PDB file of all heavy atoms in Angstrom:
ATOM      1  N   PHE A   1     107.816  93.164  84.146  1.00  0.00           N
ATOM      2  CA  PHE A   1     106.631  92.440  83.696  1.00  0.00           C
ATOM      3  C   PHE A   1     106.750  91.959  82.257  1.00  0.00           C
ATOM      4  O   PHE A   1     105.994  91.087  81.829  1.00  0.00           O
ATOM      5  CB  PHE A   1     105.360  93.293  83.866  1.00  0.00           C
ATOM      6  CG  PHE A   1     105.351  94.583  83.093  1.00  0.00           C
ATOM      7  CD1 PHE A   1     105.100  94.606  81.734  1.00  0.00           C
ATOM      8  CD2 PHE A   1     105.576  95.787  83.748  1.00  0.00           C
ATOM      9  CE1 PHE A   1     105.077  95.796  81.026  1.00  0.00           C
ATOM     10  CE2 PHE A   1     105.554  96.984  83.050  1.00  0.00           C
ATOM     11  CZ  PHE A   1     105.310  96.982  81.686  1.00  0.00           C
ATOM     12  N   GLY A   2     107.691  92.533  81.496  1.00  0.00           N
ATOM     13  CA  GLY A   2     107.851  92.156  80.099  1.00  0.00           C
ATOM     14  C   GLY A   2     109.001  91.218  79.811  1.00  0.00           C
ATOM     15  O   GLY A   2     109.071  90.639  78.717  1.00  0.00           O
ATOM     16  N   LYS A   3     109.903  91.044  80.760  1.00  0.00           N
ATOM     17  CA  LYS A   3     111.075  90.203  80.545  1.00  0.00           C
ATOM     18  C   LYS A   3     110.661  88.761  80.283  1.00  0.00           C
ATOM     19  O   LYS A   3     109.911  88.171  81.038  1.00  0.00           O
ATOM     20  CB  LYS A   3     112.017  90.283  81.746  1.00  0.00           C
ATOM     21  CG  LYS A   3     112.677  91.636  81.899  1.00  0.00           C
ATOM     22  CD  LYS A   3     113.548  91.710  83.147  1.00  0.00           C
ATOM     23  CE  LYS A   3     114.183  93.079  83.271  1.00  0.00           C
ATOM     24  NZ  LYS A   3     114.937  93.236  84.543  1.00  0.00           N
ATOM     25  N   GLY A   4     111.160  88.208  79.181  1.00  0.00           N
ATOM     26  CA  GLY A   4     110.815  86.859  78.797  1.00  0.00           C
ATOM     27  C   GLY A   4     109.542  86.749  77.992  1.00  0.00           C
ATOM     28  O   GLY A   4     109.243  85.678  77.458  1.00  0.00           O
ATOM     29  N   ARG A   5     108.772  87.838  77.904  1.00  0.00           N
ATOM     30  CA  ARG A   5     107.526  87.834  77.134  1.00  0.00           C
ATOM     31  C   ARG A   5     107.527  88.839  75.992  1.00  0.00           C
ATOM     32  O   ARG A   5     106.935  88.578  74.950  1.00  0.00           O
ATOM     33  CB  ARG A   5     106.330  88.137  78.036  1.00  0.00           C
ATOM     34  CG  ARG A   5     106.082  87.125  79.134  1.00  0.00           C
ATOM     35  CD  ARG A   5     104.708  87.345  79.752  1.00  0.00           C
ATOM     36  NE  ARG A   5     104.597  88.658  80.378  1.00  0.00           N
ATOM     37  CZ  ARG A   5     103.542  89.464  80.249  1.00  0.00           C
ATOM     38  NH1 ARG A   5     102.505  89.096  79.514  1.00  0.00           N
ATOM     39  NH2 ARG A   5     103.521  90.633  80.883  1.00  0.00           N
ATOM     40  N   PHE A   6     108.175  89.992  76.209  1.00  0.00           N
ATOM     41  CA  PHE A   6     108.132  91.086  75.238  1.00  0.00           C
ATOM     42  C   PHE A   6     109.487  91.258  74.564  1.00  0.00           C
ATOM     43  O   PHE A   6     110.535  91.079  75.194  1.00  0.00           O
ATOM     44  CB  PHE A   6     107.761  92.403  75.911  1.00  0.00           C
ATOM     45  CG  PHE A   6     106.390  92.441  76.534  1.00  0.00           C
ATOM     46  CD1 PHE A   6     106.001  93.549  77.264  1.00  0.00           C
ATOM     47  CD2 PHE A   6     105.495  91.394  76.390  1.00  0.00           C
ATOM     48  CE1 PHE A   6     104.743  93.613  77.840  1.00  0.00           C
ATOM     49  CE2 PHE A   6     104.232  91.439  76.964  1.00  0.00           C
ATOM     50  CZ  PHE A   6     103.856  92.556  77.692  1.00  0.00           C
ATOM     51  N   THR A   7     109.471  91.630  73.281  1.00  0.00           N
ATOM     52  CA  THR A   7     110.693  91.864  72.527  1.00  0.00           C
ATOM     53  C   THR A   7     110.529  93.098  71.650  1.00  0.00           C
ATOM     54  O   THR A   7     109.564  93.206  70.896  1.00  0.00           O
ATOM     55  CB  THR A   7     111.048  90.661  71.639  1.00  0.00           C
ATOM     56  OG1 THR A   7     111.163  89.480  72.432  1.00  0.00           O
ATOM     57  CG2 THR A   7     112.374  90.914  70.922  1.00  0.00           C
ATOM     58  N   ILE A   8     111.480  94.022  71.762  1.00  0.00           N
ATOM     59  CA  ILE A   8     111.521  95.198  70.900  1.00  0.00           C
ATOM     60  C   ILE A   8     112.508  94.948  69.770  1.00  0.00           C
ATOM     61  O   ILE A   8     113.589  94.398  69.993  1.00  0.00           O
ATOM     62  CB  ILE A   8     111.934  96.454  71.685  1.00  0.00           C
ATOM     63  CG1 ILE A   8     110.945  96.727  72.821  1.00  0.00           C
ATOM     64  CG2 ILE A   8     112.039  97.667  70.760  1.00  0.00           C
ATOM     65  CD1 ILE A   8     111.399  97.817  73.776  1.00  0.00           C
ATOM     66  N   SER A   9     112.135  95.347  68.572  1.00  0.00           N
ATOM     67  CA  SER A   9     113.039  95.293  67.434  1.00  0.00           C
ATOM     68  C   SER A   9     112.837  96.544  66.598  1.00  0.00           C
ATOM     69  O   SER A   9     111.854  97.270  66.775  1.00  0.00           O
ATOM     70  CB  SER A   9     112.813  94.033  66.599  1.00  0.00           C
ATOM     71  OG  SER A   9     111.488  93.988  66.094  1.00  0.00           O
ATOM     72  N   ARG A  10     113.780  96.808  65.708  1.00  0.00           N
ATOM     73  CA  ARG A  10     113.638  97.980  64.847  1.00  0.00           C
ATOM     74  C   ARG A  10     114.201  97.691  63.472  1.00  0.00           C
ATOM     75  O   ARG A  10     115.146  96.916  63.309  1.00  0.00           O
ATOM     76  CB  ARG A  10     114.304  99.212  65.464  1.00  0.00           C
ATOM     77  CG  ARG A  10     115.819  99.150  65.578  1.00  0.00           C
ATOM     78  CD  ARG A  10     116.346 100.269  66.485  1.00  0.00           C
ATOM     79  NE  ARG A  10     116.141 101.588  65.909  1.00  0.00           N
ATOM     80  CZ  ARG A  10     116.221 102.726  66.597  1.00  0.00           C
ATOM     81  NH1 ARG A  10     116.476 102.695  67.907  1.00  0.00           N
ATOM     82  NH2 ARG A  10     116.029 103.890  65.985  1.00  0.00           N
ATOM     83  N   ASP A  11     113.618  98.340  62.483  1.00  0.00           N
ATOM     84  CA  ASP A  11     114.060  98.249  61.105  1.00  0.00           C
ATOM     85  C   ASP A  11     114.307  99.677  60.643  1.00  0.00           C
ATOM     86  O   ASP A  11     113.370 100.384  60.270  1.00  0.00           O
ATOM     87  CB  ASP A  11     113.011  97.558  60.246  1.00  0.00           C
ATOM     88  CG  ASP A  11     113.484  97.302  58.829  1.00  0.00           C
ATOM     89  OD1 ASP A  11     114.416  97.983  58.364  1.00  0.00           O
ATOM     90  OD2 ASP A  11     112.914  96.405  58.174  1.00  0.00           O
ATOM     91  N   ASN A  12     115.559 100.101  60.687  1.00  0.00           N
ATOM     92  CA  ASN A  12     115.883 101.482  60.349  1.00  0.00           C
ATOM     93  C   ASN A  12     115.595 101.808  58.887  1.00  0.00           C
ATOM     94  O   ASN A  12     115.261 102.953  58.564  1.00  0.00           O
ATOM     95  CB  ASN A  12     117.350 101.777  60.672  1.00  0.00           C
ATOM     96  CG  ASN A  12     117.621 101.839  62.156  1.00  0.00           C
ATOM     97  OD1 ASN A  12     116.713 102.060  62.961  1.00  0.00           O
ATOM     98  ND2 ASN A  12     118.876 101.648  62.537  1.00  0.00           N
ATOM     99  N   ALA A  13     115.730 100.817  58.012  1.00  0.00           N
ATOM    100  CA  ALA A  13     115.448 101.040  56.596  1.00  0.00           C
ATOM    101  C   ALA A  13     113.980 101.356  56.367  1.00  0.00           C
ATOM    102  O   ALA A  13     113.636 102.059  55.415  1.00  0.00           O
ATOM    103  CB  ALA A  13     115.873  99.834  55.771  1.00  0.00           C
ATOM    104  N   GLU A  14     113.102 100.831  57.234  1.00  0.00           N
ATOM    105  CA  GLU A  14     111.673 101.061  57.106  1.00  0.00           C
ATOM    106  C   GLU A  14     111.153 102.091  58.101  1.00  0.00           C
ATOM    107  O   GLU A  14     109.945 102.332  58.155  1.00  0.00           O
ATOM    108  CB  GLU A  14     110.909  99.751  57.282  1.00  0.00           C
ATOM    109  CG  GLU A  14     111.233  98.704  56.223  1.00  0.00           C
ATOM    110  CD  GLU A  14     110.791  99.128  54.845  1.00  0.00           C
ATOM    111  OE1 GLU A  14     109.778  99.856  54.725  1.00  0.00           O
ATOM    112  OE2 GLU A  14     111.460  98.748  53.867  1.00  0.00           O
ATOM    113  N   ASN A  15     112.032 102.693  58.890  1.00  0.00           N
ATOM    114  CA  ASN A  15     111.638 103.693  59.892  1.00  0.00           C
ATOM    115  C   ASN A  15     110.549 103.160  60.822  1.00  0.00           C
ATOM    116  O   ASN A  15     109.573 103.853  61.129  1.00  0.00           O
ATOM    117  CB  ASN A  15     111.158 104.971  59.218  1.00  0.00           C
ATOM    118  CG  ASN A  15     112.294 105.844  58.709  1.00  0.00           C
ATOM    119  OD1 ASN A  15     113.443 105.419  58.636  1.00  0.00           O
ATOM    120  ND2 ASN A  15     111.971 107.073  58.352  1.00  0.00           N
ATOM    121  N   THR A  16     110.728 101.928  61.284  1.00  0.00           N
ATOM    122  CA  THR A  16     109.707 101.278  62.081  1.00  0.00           C
ATOM    123  C   THR A  16     110.322 100.553  63.273  1.00  0.00           C
ATOM    124  O   THR A  16     111.368  99.915  63.141  1.00  0.00           O
ATOM    125  CB  THR A  16     108.902 100.280  61.234  1.00  0.00           C
ATOM    126  OG1 THR A  16     108.323 100.965  60.120  1.00  0.00           O
ATOM    127  CG2 THR A  16     107.783  99.650  62.052  1.00  0.00           C
ATOM    128  N   VAL A  17     109.665 100.658  64.426  1.00  0.00           N
ATOM    129  CA  VAL A  17     110.030  99.897  65.601  1.00  0.00           C
ATOM    130  C   VAL A  17     108.839  99.014  65.966  1.00  0.00           C
ATOM    131  O   VAL A  17     107.683  99.399  65.759  1.00  0.00           O
ATOM    132  CB  VAL A  17     110.443 100.820  66.777  1.00  0.00           C
ATOM    133  CG1 VAL A  17     109.276 101.682  67.235  1.00  0.00           C
ATOM    134  CG2 VAL A  17     111.003 100.001  67.929  1.00  0.00           C
ATOM    135  N   TYR A  18     109.132  97.821  66.499  1.00  0.00           N
ATOM    136  CA  TYR A  18     108.103  96.843  66.806  1.00  0.00           C
ATOM    137  C   TYR A  18     108.141  96.461  68.276  1.00  0.00           C
ATOM    138  O   TYR A  18     109.182  96.513  68.931  1.00  0.00           O
ATOM    139  CB  TYR A  18     108.292  95.575  65.970  1.00  0.00           C
ATOM    140  CG  TYR A  18     108.317  95.809  64.486  1.00  0.00           C
ATOM    141  CD1 TYR A  18     109.521  95.991  63.812  1.00  0.00           C
ATOM    142  CD2 TYR A  18     107.134  95.853  63.750  1.00  0.00           C
ATOM    143  CE1 TYR A  18     109.546  96.210  62.447  1.00  0.00           C
ATOM    144  CE2 TYR A  18     107.157  96.072  62.385  1.00  0.00           C
ATOM    145  CZ  TYR A  18     108.357  96.248  61.738  1.00  0.00           C
ATOM    146  OH  TYR A  18     108.382  96.466  60.384  1.00  0.00           O
ATOM    147  N   LEU A  19     106.988  96.055  68.774  1.00  0.00           N
ATOM    148  CA  LEU A  19     106.882  95.460  70.100  1.00  0.00           C
ATOM    149  C   LEU A  19     106.123  94.150  69.956  1.00  0.00           C
ATOM    150  O   LEU A  19     104.914  94.151  69.699  1.00  0.00           O
ATOM    151  CB  LEU A  19     106.169  96.391  71.078  1.00  0.00           C
ATOM    152  CG  LEU A  19     105.925  95.828  72.482  1.00  0.00           C
ATOM    153  CD1 LEU A  19     107.245  95.540  73.190  1.00  0.00           C
ATOM    154  CD2 LEU A  19     105.068  96.790  73.304  1.00  0.00           C
ATOM    155  N   GLN A  20     106.841  93.040  70.094  1.00  0.00           N
ATOM    156  CA  GLN A  20     106.243  91.711  70.071  1.00  0.00           C
ATOM    157  C   GLN A  20     105.892  91.324  71.497  1.00  0.00           C
ATOM    158  O   GLN A  20     106.765  91.316  72.371  1.00  0.00           O
ATOM    159  CB  GLN A  20     107.207  90.690  69.466  1.00  0.00           C
ATOM    160  CG  GLN A  20     106.695  89.257  69.459  1.00  0.00           C
ATOM    161  CD  GLN A  20     105.598  89.027  68.447  1.00  0.00           C
ATOM    162  OE1 GLN A  20     105.647  89.553  67.342  1.00  0.00           O
ATOM    163  NE2 GLN A  20     104.600  88.245  68.825  1.00  0.00           N
ATOM    164  N   MET A  21     104.634  90.988  71.740  1.00  0.00           N
ATOM    165  CA  MET A  21     104.179  90.616  73.072  1.00  0.00           C
ATOM    166  C   MET A  21     103.570  89.222  73.018  1.00  0.00           C
ATOM    167  O   MET A  21     102.598  88.990  72.300  1.00  0.00           O
ATOM    168  CB  MET A  21     103.164  91.629  73.607  1.00  0.00           C
ATOM    169  CG  MET A  21     103.736  93.039  73.727  1.00  0.00           C
ATOM    170  SD  MET A  21     102.668  94.169  74.663  1.00  0.00           S
ATOM    171  CE  MET A  21     101.354  94.412  73.473  1.00  0.00           C
ATOM    172  N   ASN A  22     104.154  88.313  73.792  1.00  0.00           N
ATOM    173  CA  ASN A  22     103.712  86.925  73.845  1.00  0.00           C
ATOM    174  C   ASN A  22     103.154  86.601  75.224  1.00  0.00           C
ATOM    175  O   ASN A  22     103.417  87.297  76.201  1.00  0.00           O
ATOM    176  CB  ASN A  22     104.871  85.983  73.533  1.00  0.00           C
ATOM    177  CG  ASN A  22     105.464  86.184  72.161  1.00  0.00           C
ATOM    178  OD1 ASN A  22     104.750  86.512  71.210  1.00  0.00           O
ATOM    179  ND2 ASN A  22     106.765  85.986  72.032  1.00  0.00           N
ATOM    180  N   ASN A  23     102.402  85.512  75.291  1.00  0.00           N
ATOM    181  CA  ASN A  23     101.823  85.048  76.556  1.00  0.00           C
ATOM    182  C   ASN A  23     101.122  86.183  77.293  1.00  0.00           C
ATOM    183  O   ASN A  23     101.376  86.441  78.466  1.00  0.00           O
ATOM    184  CB  ASN A  23     102.910  84.420  77.429  1.00  0.00           C
ATOM    185  CG  ASN A  23     102.353  83.677  78.623  1.00  0.00           C
ATOM    186  OD1 ASN A  23     101.219  83.209  78.600  1.00  0.00           O
ATOM    187  ND2 ASN A  23     103.147  83.574  79.690  1.00  0.00           N
ATOM    188  N   LEU A  24     100.220  86.844  76.604  1.00  0.00           N
ATOM    189  CA  LEU A  24      99.549  88.014  77.161  1.00  0.00           C
ATOM    190  C   LEU A  24      98.634  87.648  78.317  1.00  0.00           C
ATOM    191  O   LEU A  24      98.039  86.565  78.352  1.00  0.00           O
ATOM    192  CB  LEU A  24      98.766  88.733  76.073  1.00  0.00           C
ATOM    193  CG  LEU A  24      99.637  89.517  75.095  1.00  0.00           C
ATOM    194  CD1 LEU A  24      98.854  89.850  73.832  1.00  0.00           C
ATOM    195  CD2 LEU A  24     100.162  90.789  75.750  1.00  0.00           C
ATOM    196  N   LYS A  25      98.522  88.582  79.259  1.00  0.00           N
ATOM    197  CA  LYS A  25      97.699  88.432  80.445  1.00  0.00           C
ATOM    198  C   LYS A  25      96.662  89.553  80.480  1.00  0.00           C
ATOM    199  O   LYS A  25      96.889  90.619  79.903  1.00  0.00           O
ATOM    200  CB  LYS A  25      98.563  88.496  81.706  1.00  0.00           C
ATOM    201  CG  LYS A  25      99.728  87.524  81.714  1.00  0.00           C
ATOM    202  CD  LYS A  25     100.654  87.785  82.893  1.00  0.00           C
ATOM    203  CE  LYS A  25     101.834  86.835  82.887  1.00  0.00           C
ATOM    204  NZ  LYS A  25     102.750  87.090  84.028  1.00  0.00           N
ATOM    205  N   PRO A  26      95.541  89.342  81.166  1.00  0.00           N
ATOM    206  CA  PRO A  26      94.544  90.420  81.256  1.00  0.00           C
ATOM    207  C   PRO A  26      95.118  91.722  81.789  1.00  0.00           C
ATOM    208  O   PRO A  26      94.680  92.799  81.365  1.00  0.00           O
ATOM    209  CB  PRO A  26      93.493  89.836  82.208  1.00  0.00           C
ATOM    210  CG  PRO A  26      93.571  88.368  81.974  1.00  0.00           C
ATOM    211  CD  PRO A  26      95.035  88.084  81.752  1.00  0.00           C
ATOM    212  N   GLU A  27      96.085  91.659  82.690  1.00  0.00           N
ATOM    213  CA  GLU A  27      96.682  92.876  83.225  1.00  0.00           C
ATOM    214  C   GLU A  27      97.549  93.628  82.221  1.00  0.00           C
ATOM    215  O   GLU A  27      98.005  94.737  82.506  1.00  0.00           O
ATOM    216  CB  GLU A  27      97.495  92.577  84.496  1.00  0.00           C
ATOM    217  CG  GLU A  27      98.528  91.481  84.326  1.00  0.00           C
ATOM    218  CD  GLU A  27      98.037  90.133  84.828  1.00  0.00           C
ATOM    219  OE1 GLU A  27      96.873  89.779  84.547  1.00  0.00           O
ATOM    220  OE2 GLU A  27      98.824  89.432  85.503  1.00  0.00           O
ATOM    221  N   ASP A  28      97.784  93.041  81.047  1.00  0.00           N
ATOM    222  CA  ASP A  28      98.467  93.748  79.969  1.00  0.00           C
ATOM    223  C   ASP A  28      97.531  94.679  79.206  1.00  0.00           C
ATOM    224  O   ASP A  28      97.989  95.431  78.339  1.00  0.00           O
ATOM    225  CB  ASP A  28      99.102  92.763  78.983  1.00  0.00           C
ATOM    226  CG  ASP A  28     100.230  91.949  79.600  1.00  0.00           C
ATOM    227  OD1 ASP A  28     101.030  92.519  80.370  1.00  0.00           O
ATOM    228  OD2 ASP A  28     100.311  90.741  79.305  1.00  0.00           O
ATOM    229  N   THR A  29      96.242  94.621  79.486  1.00  0.00           N
ATOM    230  CA  THR A  29      95.282  95.496  78.826  1.00  0.00           C
ATOM    231  C   THR A  29      95.636  96.954  79.092  1.00  0.00           C
ATOM    232  O   THR A  29      95.732  97.384  80.244  1.00  0.00           O
ATOM    233  CB  THR A  29      93.864  95.204  79.310  1.00  0.00           C
ATOM    234  OG1 THR A  29      93.486  93.886  78.911  1.00  0.00           O
ATOM    235  CG2 THR A  29      92.871  96.203  78.725  1.00  0.00           C
ATOM    236  N   ALA A  30      95.851  97.724  78.024  1.00  0.00           N
ATOM    237  CA  ALA A  30      96.286  99.109  78.154  1.00  0.00           C
ATOM    238  C   ALA A  30      96.337  99.745  76.781  1.00  0.00           C
ATOM    239  O   ALA A  30      96.255  99.064  75.758  1.00  0.00           O
ATOM    240  CB  ALA A  30      97.665  99.187  78.809  1.00  0.00           C
ATOM    241  N   VAL A  31      96.485 101.062  76.773  1.00  0.00           N
ATOM    242  CA  VAL A  31      96.863 101.774  75.567  1.00  0.00           C
ATOM    243  C   VAL A  31      98.381 101.798  75.515  1.00  0.00           C
ATOM    244  O   VAL A  31      99.034 102.195  76.483  1.00  0.00           O
ATOM    245  CB  VAL A  31      96.304 103.204  75.534  1.00  0.00           C
ATOM    246  CG1 VAL A  31      96.792 103.947  74.293  1.00  0.00           C
ATOM    247  CG2 VAL A  31      94.784 103.181  75.573  1.00  0.00           C
ATOM    248  N   TYR A  32      98.943 101.368  74.399  1.00  0.00           N
ATOM    249  CA  TYR A  32     100.391 101.294  74.233  1.00  0.00           C
ATOM    250  C   TYR A  32     100.871 102.439  73.356  1.00  0.00           C
ATOM    251  O   TYR A  32     100.310 102.699  72.287  1.00  0.00           O
ATOM    252  CB  TYR A  32     100.787  99.946  73.619  1.00  0.00           C
ATOM    253  CG  TYR A  32     100.718  98.823  74.624  1.00  0.00           C
ATOM    254  CD1 TYR A  32      99.488  98.301  75.025  1.00  0.00           C
ATOM    255  CD2 TYR A  32     101.872  98.297  75.198  1.00  0.00           C
ATOM    256  CE1 TYR A  32      99.414  97.291  75.967  1.00  0.00           C
ATOM    257  CE2 TYR A  32     101.808  97.288  76.139  1.00  0.00           C
ATOM    258  CZ  TYR A  32     100.577  96.787  76.520  1.00  0.00           C
ATOM    259  OH  TYR A  32     100.507  95.779  77.458  1.00  0.00           O
ATOM    260  N   TYR A  33     101.918 103.122  73.818  1.00  0.00           N
ATOM    261  CA  TYR A  33     102.452 104.303  73.157  1.00  0.00           C
ATOM    262  C   TYR A  33     103.891 104.095  72.709  1.00  0.00           C
ATOM    263  O   TYR A  33     104.702 103.523  73.437  1.00  0.00           O
ATOM    264  CB  TYR A  33     102.427 105.514  74.096  1.00  0.00           C
ATOM    265  CG  TYR A  33     101.059 105.927  74.559  1.00  0.00           C
ATOM    266  CD1 TYR A  33     100.493 105.361  75.695  1.00  0.00           C
ATOM    267  CD2 TYR A  33     100.338 106.888  73.868  1.00  0.00           C
ATOM    268  CE1 TYR A  33      99.236 105.743  76.127  1.00  0.00           C
ATOM    269  CE2 TYR A  33      99.086 107.280  74.294  1.00  0.00           C
ATOM    270  CZ  TYR A  33      98.542 106.701  75.430  1.00  0.00           C
ATOM    271  OH  TYR A  33      97.298 107.087  75.860  1.00  0.00           O
ATOM    272  N   CYS A  34     104.205 104.603  71.543  1.00  0.00           N
ATOM    273  CA  CYS A  34     105.559 104.672  71.023  1.00  0.00           C
ATOM    274  C   CYS A  34     106.100 106.074  71.250  1.00  0.00           C
ATOM    275  O   CYS A  34     105.367 107.057  71.118  1.00  0.00           O
ATOM    276  CB  CYS A  34     105.544 104.329  69.536  1.00  0.00           C
ATOM    277  SG  CYS A  34     107.113 104.507  68.679  1.00  0.00           S
TER     278      CYS A  34
END
């Protein structure tokens, strides 16, 4: 469901991981956990 819409990236220097979500749909409504 995320292929082509979602992208994970990380910045080790900042101790941070990201989740970019594009073209969101109502069915994406959820609590998101790392």
